[in-house]
Amino acid sequence: MAHGDVHDYHRPQEVSQVLVIRQPISFSLYQSKYAQKFQFLKAWESPLPLNQFLTTHARKVQILLSCGTFPLHAYLLHLLPSQRLIVPLSAGLNHIDRLV
């Protein structure tokens, strides 16, 4: 058996943070299903203004769930330096600014 084969299965995996700015209609369906793998940061539940919430809580966020009803402007995306993936929950991408 190679080094690490057994121990890798018992090592706790780091939970990824997923930013959800507005609550999607289907959120309750998948939130509980994926709660062990992801920590959902629910911006709509915070009393903070969105830009303050992002700078305070979302610096390590790598995944962003995006509703087509909320435009993702470049200035908001710049507040997420670790963001690697945007998962649109609607058809089309015209609500997401392009970063060059």
PDB file of N, CA and C in Angstrom:
ATOM      1  N   MET A   1       0.843  -1.177   0.000  1.00  0.00           N
ATOM      2  CA  MET A   1       0.000   0.000   0.000  1.00  0.00           C
ATOM      3  C   MET A   1       0.890   1.243   0.000  1.00  0.00           C
ATOM      4  N   ALA A   2       0.613   2.184  -0.844  1.00  0.00           N
ATOM      5  CA  ALA A   2       1.411   3.409  -0.939  1.00  0.00           C
ATOM      6  C   ALA A   2       1.160   4.298   0.261  1.00  0.00           C
ATOM      7  N   HIS A   3       2.132   5.114   0.573  1.00  0.00           N
ATOM      8  CA  HIS A   3       2.023   6.051   1.687  1.00  0.00           C
ATOM      9  C   HIS A   3       0.828   6.983   1.485  1.00  0.00           C
ATOM     10  N   GLY A   4      -0.017   7.085   2.483  1.00  0.00           N
ATOM     11  CA  GLY A   4      -1.139   8.019   2.421  1.00  0.00           C
ATOM     12  C   GLY A   4      -2.430   7.412   1.923  1.00  0.00           C
ATOM     13  N   ASP A   5      -2.391   6.166   1.407  1.00  0.00           N
ATOM     14  CA  ASP A   5      -3.608   5.569   0.856  1.00  0.00           C
ATOM     15  C   ASP A   5      -4.705   5.420   1.902  1.00  0.00           C
ATOM     16  N   VAL A   6      -4.369   4.940   3.072  1.00  0.00           N
ATOM     17  CA  VAL A   6      -5.369   4.723   4.115  1.00  0.00           C
ATOM     18  C   VAL A   6      -5.716   6.023   4.813  1.00  0.00           C
ATOM     19  N   HIS A   7      -4.734   6.805   5.151  1.00  0.00           N
ATOM     20  CA  HIS A   7      -4.953   8.014   5.939  1.00  0.00           C
ATOM     21  C   HIS A   7      -5.696   9.099   5.186  1.00  0.00           C
ATOM     22  N   ASP A   8      -5.588   9.156   3.887  1.00  0.00           N
ATOM     23  CA  ASP A   8      -6.278  10.181   3.117  1.00  0.00           C
ATOM     24  C   ASP A   8      -7.792  10.053   3.222  1.00  0.00           C
ATOM     25  N   TYR A   9      -8.303   8.853   3.429  1.00  0.00           N
ATOM     26  CA  TYR A   9      -9.744   8.653   3.553  1.00  0.00           C
ATOM     27  C   TYR A   9     -10.278   9.164   4.885  1.00  0.00           C
ATOM     28  N   HIS A  10      -9.425   9.238   5.891  1.00  0.00           N
ATOM     29  CA  HIS A  10      -9.860   9.636   7.225  1.00  0.00           C
ATOM     30  C   HIS A  10      -9.585  11.101   7.538  1.00  0.00           C
ATOM     31  N   ARG A  11      -8.903  11.775   6.651  1.00  0.00           N
ATOM     32  CA  ARG A  11      -8.577  13.178   6.870  1.00  0.00           C
ATOM     33  C   ARG A  11      -9.809  14.027   6.562  1.00  0.00           C
ATOM     34  N   PRO A  12     -10.209  14.912   7.506  1.00  0.00           N
ATOM     35  CA  PRO A  12     -11.375  15.756   7.208  1.00  0.00           C
ATOM     36  C   PRO A  12     -11.078  16.695   6.048  1.00  0.00           C
ATOM     37  N   GLN A  13     -12.041  16.807   5.154  1.00  0.00           N
ATOM     38  CA  GLN A  13     -11.871  17.687   4.012  1.00  0.00           C
ATOM     39  C   GLN A  13     -12.308  19.098   4.375  1.00  0.00           C
ATOM     40  N   GLU A  14     -11.637  20.059   3.794  1.00  0.00           N
ATOM     41  CA  GLU A  14     -12.001  21.452   4.027  1.00  0.00           C
ATOM     42  C   GLU A  14     -13.315  21.747   3.303  1.00  0.00           C
ATOM     43  N   VAL A  15     -14.190  22.448   3.982  1.00  0.00           N
ATOM     44  CA  VAL A  15     -15.494  22.793   3.421  1.00  0.00           C
ATOM     45  C   VAL A  15     -15.350  24.085   2.625  1.00  0.00           C
ATOM     46  N   SER A  16     -15.787  24.067   1.373  1.00  0.00           N
ATOM     47  CA  SER A  16     -15.710  25.253   0.515  1.00  0.00           C
ATOM     48  C   SER A  16     -16.838  26.222   0.854  1.00  0.00           C
ATOM     49  N   GLN A  17     -16.519  27.500   0.800  1.00  0.00           N
ATOM     50  CA  GLN A  17     -17.527  28.531   1.010  1.00  0.00           C
ATOM     51  C   GLN A  17     -18.183  28.874  -0.315  1.00  0.00           C
ATOM     52  N   VAL A  18     -19.502  28.959  -0.288  1.00  0.00           N
ATOM     53  CA  VAL A  18     -20.283  29.310  -1.465  1.00  0.00           C
ATOM     54  C   VAL A  18     -21.073  30.566  -1.125  1.00  0.00           C
ATOM     55  N   LEU A  19     -20.879  31.606  -1.899  1.00  0.00           N
ATOM     56  CA  LEU A  19     -21.605  32.850  -1.695  1.00  0.00           C
ATOM     57  C   LEU A  19     -22.926  32.812  -2.446  1.00  0.00           C
ATOM     58  N   VAL A  20     -23.995  33.147  -1.738  1.00  0.00           N
ATOM     59  CA  VAL A  20     -25.316  33.264  -2.347  1.00  0.00           C
ATOM     60  C   VAL A  20     -25.820  34.658  -1.985  1.00  0.00           C
ATOM     61  N   ILE A  21     -25.887  35.548  -2.983  1.00  0.00           N
ATOM     62  CA  ILE A  21     -26.250  36.937  -2.715  1.00  0.00           C
ATOM     63  C   ILE A  21     -27.743  37.087  -2.468  1.00  0.00           C
ATOM     64  N   ARG A  22     -28.541  36.528  -3.353  1.00  0.00           N
ATOM     65  CA  ARG A  22     -29.998  36.520  -3.189  1.00  0.00           C
ATOM     66  C   ARG A  22     -30.472  35.085  -3.130  1.00  0.00           C
ATOM     67  N   GLN A  23     -31.497  34.847  -2.331  1.00  0.00           N
ATOM     68  CA  GLN A  23     -31.996  33.491  -2.178  1.00  0.00           C
ATOM     69  C   GLN A  23     -32.719  33.023  -3.437  1.00  0.00           C
ATOM     70  N   PRO A  24     -32.166  32.012  -4.097  1.00  0.00           N
ATOM     71  CA  PRO A  24     -32.863  31.448  -5.267  1.00  0.00           C
ATOM     72  C   PRO A  24     -34.093  30.662  -4.817  1.00  0.00           C
ATOM     73  N   ILE A  25     -35.061  30.537  -5.693  1.00  0.00           N
ATOM     74  CA  ILE A  25     -36.288  29.810  -5.369  1.00  0.00           C
ATOM     75  C   ILE A  25     -35.972  28.372  -4.963  1.00  0.00           C
ATOM     76  N   SER A  26     -35.053  27.747  -5.641  1.00  0.00           N
ATOM     77  CA  SER A  26     -34.735  26.338  -5.396  1.00  0.00           C
ATOM     78  C   SER A  26     -33.704  26.122  -4.286  1.00  0.00           C
ATOM     79  N   PHE A  27     -33.294  27.162  -3.600  1.00  0.00           N
ATOM     80  CA  PHE A  27     -32.220  27.059  -2.615  1.00  0.00           C
ATOM     81  C   PHE A  27     -32.523  26.051  -1.517  1.00  0.00           C
ATOM     82  N   SER A  28     -33.738  26.036  -1.009  1.00  0.00           N
ATOM     83  CA  SER A  28     -34.069  25.114   0.081  1.00  0.00           C
ATOM     84  C   SER A  28     -33.939  23.651  -0.343  1.00  0.00           C
ATOM     85  N   LEU A  29     -34.077  23.369  -1.637  1.00  0.00           N
ATOM     86  CA  LEU A  29     -33.969  21.998  -2.120  1.00  0.00           C
ATOM     87  C   LEU A  29     -32.541  21.453  -2.037  1.00  0.00           C
ATOM     88  N   TYR A  30     -31.560  22.280  -2.353  1.00  0.00           N
ATOM     89  CA  TYR A  30     -30.191  21.776  -2.370  1.00  0.00           C
ATOM     90  C   TYR A  30     -29.352  22.211  -1.184  1.00  0.00           C
ATOM     91  N   GLN A  31     -29.792  23.170  -0.390  1.00  0.00           N
ATOM     92  CA  GLN A  31     -29.000  23.623   0.751  1.00  0.00           C
ATOM     93  C   GLN A  31     -28.729  22.488   1.730  1.00  0.00           C
ATOM     94  N   SER A  32     -29.742  21.781   2.160  1.00  0.00           N
ATOM     95  CA  SER A  32     -29.535  20.699   3.124  1.00  0.00           C
ATOM     96  C   SER A  32     -28.771  19.533   2.505  1.00  0.00           C
ATOM     97  N   LYS A  33     -28.981  19.290   1.227  1.00  0.00           N
ATOM     98  CA  LYS A  33     -28.298  18.186   0.547  1.00  0.00           C
ATOM     99  C   LYS A  33     -26.784  18.386   0.494  1.00  0.00           C
ATOM    100  N   TYR A  34     -26.349  19.633   0.351  1.00  0.00           N
ATOM    101  CA  TYR A  34     -24.923  19.924   0.197  1.00  0.00           C
ATOM    102  C   TYR A  34     -24.295  20.607   1.406  1.00  0.00           C
ATOM    103  N   ALA A  35     -25.003  20.663   2.516  1.00  0.00           N
ATOM    104  CA  ALA A  35     -24.514  21.377   3.698  1.00  0.00           C
ATOM    105  C   ALA A  35     -23.234  20.775   4.275  1.00  0.00           C
ATOM    106  N   GLN A  36     -22.998  19.490   4.091  1.00  0.00           N
ATOM    107  CA  GLN A  36     -21.783  18.874   4.623  1.00  0.00           C
ATOM    108  C   GLN A  36     -20.559  19.171   3.764  1.00  0.00           C
ATOM    109  N   LYS A  37     -20.776  19.493   2.498  1.00  0.00           N
ATOM    110  CA  LYS A  37     -19.656  19.755   1.595  1.00  0.00           C
ATOM    111  C   LYS A  37     -19.365  21.240   1.423  1.00  0.00           C
ATOM    112  N   PHE A  38     -20.383  22.082   1.652  1.00  0.00           N
ATOM    113  CA  PHE A  38     -20.234  23.514   1.411  1.00  0.00           C
ATOM    114  C   PHE A  38     -20.792  24.328   2.570  1.00  0.00           C
ATOM    115  N   GLN A  39     -20.149  25.436   2.821  1.00  0.00           N
ATOM    116  CA  GLN A  39     -20.678  26.410   3.776  1.00  0.00           C
ATOM    117  C   GLN A  39     -21.301  27.525   2.941  1.00  0.00           C
ATOM    118  N   PHE A  40     -22.597  27.718   3.086  1.00  0.00           N
ATOM    119  CA  PHE A  40     -23.289  28.735   2.314  1.00  0.00           C
ATOM    120  C   PHE A  40     -23.274  30.063   3.066  1.00  0.00           C
ATOM    121  N   LEU A  41     -22.721  31.092   2.430  1.00  0.00           N
ATOM    122  CA  LEU A  41     -22.756  32.448   2.974  1.00  0.00           C
ATOM    123  C   LEU A  41     -23.957  33.143   2.348  1.00  0.00           C
ATOM    124  N   LYS A  42     -24.956  33.402   3.156  1.00  0.00           N
ATOM    125  CA  LYS A  42     -26.224  33.940   2.667  1.00  0.00           C
ATOM    126  C   LYS A  42     -26.251  35.449   2.895  1.00  0.00           C
ATOM    127  N   ALA A  43     -25.886  36.180   1.873  1.00  0.00           N
ATOM    128  CA  ALA A  43     -25.790  37.636   1.985  1.00  0.00           C
ATOM    129  C   ALA A  43     -27.142  38.270   2.296  1.00  0.00           C
ATOM    130  N   TRP A  44     -28.226  37.705   1.809  1.00  0.00           N
ATOM    131  CA  TRP A  44     -29.547  38.294   2.021  1.00  0.00           C
ATOM    132  C   TRP A  44     -29.968  38.260   3.489  1.00  0.00           C
ATOM    133  N   GLU A  45     -29.340  37.416   4.309  1.00  0.00           N
ATOM    134  CA  GLU A  45     -29.681  37.341   5.724  1.00  0.00           C
ATOM    135  C   GLU A  45     -28.909  38.352   6.573  1.00  0.00           C
ATOM    136  N   SER A  46     -27.914  38.974   5.996  1.00  0.00           N
ATOM    137  CA  SER A  46     -27.061  39.903   6.745  1.00  0.00           C
ATOM    138  C   SER A  46     -27.663  41.305   6.798  1.00  0.00           C
ATOM    139  N   PRO A  47     -27.531  41.971   7.946  1.00  0.00           N
ATOM    140  CA  PRO A  47     -27.967  43.364   8.034  1.00  0.00           C
ATOM    141  C   PRO A  47     -26.973  44.331   7.386  1.00  0.00           C
ATOM    142  N   LEU A  48     -25.785  43.831   7.025  1.00  0.00           N
ATOM    143  CA  LEU A  48     -24.761  44.681   6.418  1.00  0.00           C
ATOM    144  C   LEU A  48     -25.101  44.985   4.963  1.00  0.00           C
ATOM    145  N   PRO A  49     -24.708  46.160   4.472  1.00  0.00           N
ATOM    146  CA  PRO A  49     -24.814  46.422   3.032  1.00  0.00           C
ATOM    147  C   PRO A  49     -23.956  45.394   2.290  1.00  0.00           C
ATOM    148  N   LEU A  50     -24.335  45.073   1.064  1.00  0.00           N
ATOM    149  CA  LEU A  50     -23.680  43.995   0.325  1.00  0.00           C
ATOM    150  C   LEU A  50     -22.173  44.177   0.212  1.00  0.00           C
ATOM    151  N   ASN A  51     -21.701  45.357  -0.154  1.00  0.00           N
ATOM    152  CA  ASN A  51     -20.250  45.537  -0.308  1.00  0.00           C
ATOM    153  C   ASN A  51     -19.514  45.326   1.012  1.00  0.00           C
ATOM    154  N   GLN A  52     -20.110  45.722   2.129  1.00  0.00           N
ATOM    155  CA  GLN A  52     -19.485  45.502   3.436  1.00  0.00           C
ATOM    156  C   GLN A  52     -19.528  44.012   3.813  1.00  0.00           C
ATOM    157  N   PHE A  53     -20.633  43.352   3.507  1.00  0.00           N
ATOM    158  CA  PHE A  53     -20.727  41.909   3.756  1.00  0.00           C
ATOM    159  C   PHE A  53     -19.644  41.171   2.985  1.00  0.00           C
ATOM    160  N   LEU A  54     -19.458  41.522   1.728  1.00  0.00           N
ATOM    161  CA  LEU A  54     -18.460  40.853   0.898  1.00  0.00           C
ATOM    162  C   LEU A  54     -17.049  41.082   1.408  1.00  0.00           C
ATOM    163  N   THR A  55     -16.705  42.305   1.755  1.00  0.00           N
ATOM    164  CA  THR A  55     -15.347  42.579   2.229  1.00  0.00           C
ATOM    165  C   THR A  55     -15.112  41.967   3.605  1.00  0.00           C
ATOM    166  N   THR A  56     -16.165  41.790   4.395  1.00  0.00           N
ATOM    167  CA  THR A  56     -16.029  41.219   5.733  1.00  0.00           C
ATOM    168  C   THR A  56     -16.021  39.697   5.732  1.00  0.00           C
ATOM    169  N   HIS A  57     -16.890  39.082   4.942  1.00  0.00           N
ATOM    170  CA  HIS A  57     -17.109  37.642   5.050  1.00  0.00           C
ATOM    171  C   HIS A  57     -16.716  36.817   3.831  1.00  0.00           C
ATOM    172  N   ALA A  58     -16.479  37.413   2.703  1.00  0.00           N
ATOM    173  CA  ALA A  58     -16.375  36.622   1.479  1.00  0.00           C
ATOM    174  C   ALA A  58     -14.997  36.628   0.825  1.00  0.00           C
ATOM    175  N   ARG A  59     -13.955  36.937   1.548  1.00  0.00           N
ATOM    176  CA  ARG A  59     -12.624  37.011   0.947  1.00  0.00           C
ATOM    177  C   ARG A  59     -12.098  35.653   0.484  1.00  0.00           C
ATOM    178  N   LYS A  60     -12.566  34.564   1.109  1.00  0.00           N
ATOM    179  CA  LYS A  60     -12.090  33.230   0.741  1.00  0.00           C
ATOM    180  C   LYS A  60     -13.076  32.477  -0.147  1.00  0.00           C
ATOM    181  N   VAL A  61     -14.156  33.115  -0.521  1.00  0.00           N
ATOM    182  CA  VAL A  61     -15.169  32.466  -1.346  1.00  0.00           C
ATOM    183  C   VAL A  61     -14.595  32.132  -2.715  1.00  0.00           C
ATOM    184  N   GLN A  62     -14.775  30.891  -3.125  1.00  0.00           N
ATOM    185  CA  GLN A  62     -14.330  30.471  -4.451  1.00  0.00           C
ATOM    186  C   GLN A  62     -15.499  30.207  -5.386  1.00  0.00           C
ATOM    187  N   ILE A  63     -16.691  30.016  -4.829  1.00  0.00           N
ATOM    188  CA  ILE A  63     -17.863  29.681  -5.631  1.00  0.00           C
ATOM    189  C   ILE A  63     -18.959  30.702  -5.369  1.00  0.00           C
ATOM    190  N   LEU A  64     -19.583  31.166  -6.426  1.00  0.00           N
ATOM    191  CA  LEU A  64     -20.677  32.132  -6.329  1.00  0.00           C
ATOM    192  C   LEU A  64     -21.887  31.571  -7.063  1.00  0.00           C
ATOM    193  N   LEU A  65     -23.002  31.401  -6.347  1.00  0.00           N
ATOM    194  CA  LEU A  65     -24.259  31.019  -6.990  1.00  0.00           C
ATOM    195  C   LEU A  65     -24.924  32.299  -7.449  1.00  0.00           C
ATOM    196  N   SER A  66     -25.320  32.332  -8.693  1.00  0.00           N
ATOM    197  CA  SER A  66     -25.829  33.557  -9.292  1.00  0.00           C
ATOM    198  C   SER A  66     -27.237  33.379  -9.841  1.00  0.00           C
ATOM    199  N   CYS A  67     -28.127  34.266  -9.429  1.00  0.00           N
ATOM    200  CA  CYS A  67     -29.483  34.310  -9.992  1.00  0.00           C
ATOM    201  C   CYS A  67     -29.482  35.331 -11.118  1.00  0.00           C
ATOM    202  N   GLY A  68     -30.234  35.061 -12.164  1.00  0.00           N
ATOM    203  CA  GLY A  68     -30.327  35.992 -13.276  1.00  0.00           C
ATOM    204  C   GLY A  68     -31.011  37.292 -12.914  1.00  0.00           C
ATOM    205  N   THR A  69     -31.694  37.328 -11.774  1.00  0.00           N
ATOM    206  CA  THR A  69     -32.398  38.543 -11.363  1.00  0.00           C
ATOM    207  C   THR A  69     -31.486  39.538 -10.664  1.00  0.00           C
ATOM    208  N   PHE A  70     -30.256  39.128 -10.359  1.00  0.00           N
ATOM    209  CA  PHE A  70     -29.318  40.016  -9.675  1.00  0.00           C
ATOM    210  C   PHE A  70     -28.091  40.218 -10.542  1.00  0.00           C
ATOM    211  N   PRO A  71     -27.849  41.453 -10.998  1.00  0.00           N
ATOM    212  CA  PRO A  71     -26.677  41.695 -11.851  1.00  0.00           C
ATOM    213  C   PRO A  71     -25.372  41.614 -11.051  1.00  0.00           C
ATOM    214  N   LEU A  72     -24.404  40.932 -11.597  1.00  0.00           N
ATOM    215  CA  LEU A  72     -23.088  40.832 -10.970  1.00  0.00           C
ATOM    216  C   LEU A  72     -22.155  41.804 -11.678  1.00  0.00           C
ATOM    217  N   HIS A  73     -22.032  42.988 -11.105  1.00  0.00           N
ATOM    218  CA  HIS A  73     -21.187  44.029 -11.684  1.00  0.00           C
ATOM    219  C   HIS A  73     -19.725  43.768 -11.332  1.00  0.00           C
ATOM    220  N   ALA A  74     -18.844  44.271 -12.153  1.00  0.00           N
ATOM    221  CA  ALA A  74     -17.408  44.058 -11.969  1.00  0.00           C
ATOM    222  C   ALA A  74     -16.930  44.506 -10.595  1.00  0.00           C
ATOM    223  N   TYR A  75     -17.463  45.610 -10.071  1.00  0.00           N
ATOM    224  CA  TYR A  75     -16.998  46.081  -8.765  1.00  0.00           C
ATOM    225  C   TYR A  75     -17.328  45.072  -7.666  1.00  0.00           C
ATOM    226  N   LEU A  76     -18.437  44.337  -7.785  1.00  0.00           N
ATOM    227  CA  LEU A  76     -18.758  43.295  -6.808  1.00  0.00           C
ATOM    228  C   LEU A  76     -17.823  42.093  -6.961  1.00  0.00           C
ATOM    229  N   LEU A  77     -17.550  41.717  -8.188  1.00  0.00           N
ATOM    230  CA  LEU A  77     -16.668  40.581  -8.424  1.00  0.00           C
ATOM    231  C   LEU A  77     -15.247  40.858  -7.948  1.00  0.00           C
ATOM    232  N   HIS A  78     -14.817  42.110  -7.990  1.00  0.00           N
ATOM    233  CA  HIS A  78     -13.484  42.475  -7.494  1.00  0.00           C
ATOM    234  C   HIS A  78     -13.386  42.338  -5.978  1.00  0.00           C
ATOM    235  N   LEU A  79     -14.510  42.326  -5.279  1.00  0.00           N
ATOM    236  CA  LEU A  79     -14.513  42.136  -3.829  1.00  0.00           C
ATOM    237  C   LEU A  79     -14.353  40.661  -3.442  1.00  0.00           C
ATOM    238  N   LEU A  80     -14.254  39.802  -4.441  1.00  0.00           N
ATOM    239  CA  LEU A  80     -14.116  38.358  -4.224  1.00  0.00           C
ATOM    240  C   LEU A  80     -12.800  37.871  -4.835  1.00  0.00           C
ATOM    241  N   PRO A  81     -11.661  38.171  -4.197  1.00  0.00           N
ATOM    242  CA  PRO A  81     -10.365  37.861  -4.808  1.00  0.00           C
ATOM    243  C   PRO A  81     -10.087  36.371  -4.995  1.00  0.00           C
ATOM    244  N   SER A  82     -10.735  35.504  -4.239  1.00  0.00           N
ATOM    245  CA  SER A  82     -10.499  34.060  -4.351  1.00  0.00           C
ATOM    246  C   SER A  82     -11.523  33.359  -5.228  1.00  0.00           C
ATOM    247  N   GLN A  83     -12.483  34.085  -5.728  1.00  0.00           N
ATOM    248  CA  GLN A  83     -13.576  33.512  -6.516  1.00  0.00           C
ATOM    249  C   GLN A  83     -13.036  32.889  -7.800  1.00  0.00           C
ATOM    250  N   ARG A  84     -13.414  31.629  -8.037  1.00  0.00           N
ATOM    251  CA  ARG A  84     -12.941  30.890  -9.204  1.00  0.00           C
ATOM    252  C   ARG A  84     -14.070  30.418 -10.106  1.00  0.00           C
ATOM    253  N   LEU A  85     -15.284  30.337  -9.557  1.00  0.00           N
ATOM    254  CA  LEU A  85     -16.378  29.741 -10.297  1.00  0.00           C
ATOM    255  C   LEU A  85     -17.671  30.491 -10.018  1.00  0.00           C
ATOM    256  N   ILE A  86     -18.391  30.811 -11.077  1.00  0.00           N
ATOM    257  CA  ILE A  86     -19.737  31.380 -10.955  1.00  0.00           C
ATOM    258  C   ILE A  86     -20.697  30.330 -11.498  1.00  0.00           C
ATOM    259  N   VAL A  87     -21.655  29.944 -10.673  1.00  0.00           N
ATOM    260  CA  VAL A  87     -22.648  28.955 -11.074  1.00  0.00           C
ATOM    261  C   VAL A  87     -23.960  29.693 -11.308  1.00  0.00           C
ATOM    262  N   PRO A  88     -24.310  29.928 -12.564  1.00  0.00           N
ATOM    263  CA  PRO A  88     -25.576  30.613 -12.841  1.00  0.00           C
ATOM    264  C   PRO A  88     -26.749  29.648 -12.653  1.00  0.00           C
ATOM    265  N   LEU A  89     -27.783  30.121 -11.984  1.00  0.00           N
ATOM    266  CA  LEU A  89     -28.976  29.309 -11.759  1.00  0.00           C
ATOM    267  C   LEU A  89     -30.086  29.683 -12.723  1.00  0.00           C
ATOM    268  N   SER A  90     -29.700  30.332 -13.781  1.00  0.00           N
ATOM    269  CA  SER A  90     -30.667  30.739 -14.803  1.00  0.00           C
ATOM    270  C   SER A  90     -30.005  30.583 -16.169  1.00  0.00           C
ATOM    271  N   ALA A  91     -30.817  30.701 -17.198  1.00  0.00           N
ATOM    272  CA  ALA A  91     -30.277  30.638 -18.553  1.00  0.00           C
ATOM    273  C   ALA A  91     -29.602  31.967 -18.889  1.00  0.00           C
ATOM    274  N   GLY A  92     -28.529  31.901 -19.610  1.00  0.00           N
ATOM    275  CA  GLY A  92     -27.840  33.111 -20.050  1.00  0.00           C
ATOM    276  C   GLY A  92     -26.830  33.618 -19.039  1.00  0.00           C
ATOM    277  N   LEU A  93     -25.937  34.461 -19.532  1.00  0.00           N
ATOM    278  CA  LEU A  93     -24.892  35.040 -18.695  1.00  0.00           C
ATOM    279  C   LEU A  93     -24.864  36.558 -18.786  1.00  0.00           C
ATOM    280  N   ASN A  94     -25.888  37.158 -19.387  1.00  0.00           N
ATOM    281  CA  ASN A  94     -25.862  38.596 -19.616  1.00  0.00           C
ATOM    282  C   ASN A  94     -25.976  39.414 -18.336  1.00  0.00           C
ATOM    283  N   HIS A  95     -26.222  38.797 -17.191  1.00  0.00           N
ATOM    284  CA  HIS A  95     -26.280  39.519 -15.922  1.00  0.00           C
ATOM    285  C   HIS A  95     -24.912  39.548 -15.222  1.00  0.00           C
ATOM    286  N   ILE A  96     -23.892  38.950 -15.842  1.00  0.00           N
ATOM    287  CA  ILE A  96     -22.553  38.891 -15.249  1.00  0.00           C
ATOM    288  C   ILE A  96     -21.606  39.756 -16.069  1.00  0.00           C
ATOM    289  N   ASP A  97     -20.990  40.767 -15.388  1.00  0.00           N
ATOM    290  CA  ASP A  97     -19.994  41.600 -16.061  1.00  0.00           C
ATOM    291  C   ASP A  97     -18.768  40.757 -16.375  1.00  0.00           C
ATOM    292  N   ARG A  98     -18.135  41.108 -17.449  1.00  0.00           N
ATOM    293  CA  ARG A  98     -16.927  40.413 -17.869  1.00  0.00           C
ATOM    294  C   ARG A  98     -15.710  41.116 -17.274  1.00  0.00           C
ATOM    295  N   LEU A  99     -14.834  40.361 -16.645  1.00  0.00           N
ATOM    296  CA  LEU A  99     -13.596  40.911 -16.106  1.00  0.00           C
ATOM    297  C   LEU A  99     -12.478  40.631 -17.089  1.00  0.00           C
ATOM    298  N   VAL A 100     -11.754  41.648 -17.447  1.00  0.00           N
ATOM    299  CA  VAL A 100     -10.664  41.490 -18.401  1.00  0.00           C
ATOM    300  C   VAL A 100      -9.359  41.682 -17.692  1.00  0.00           C
TER     301      VAL A 100
END
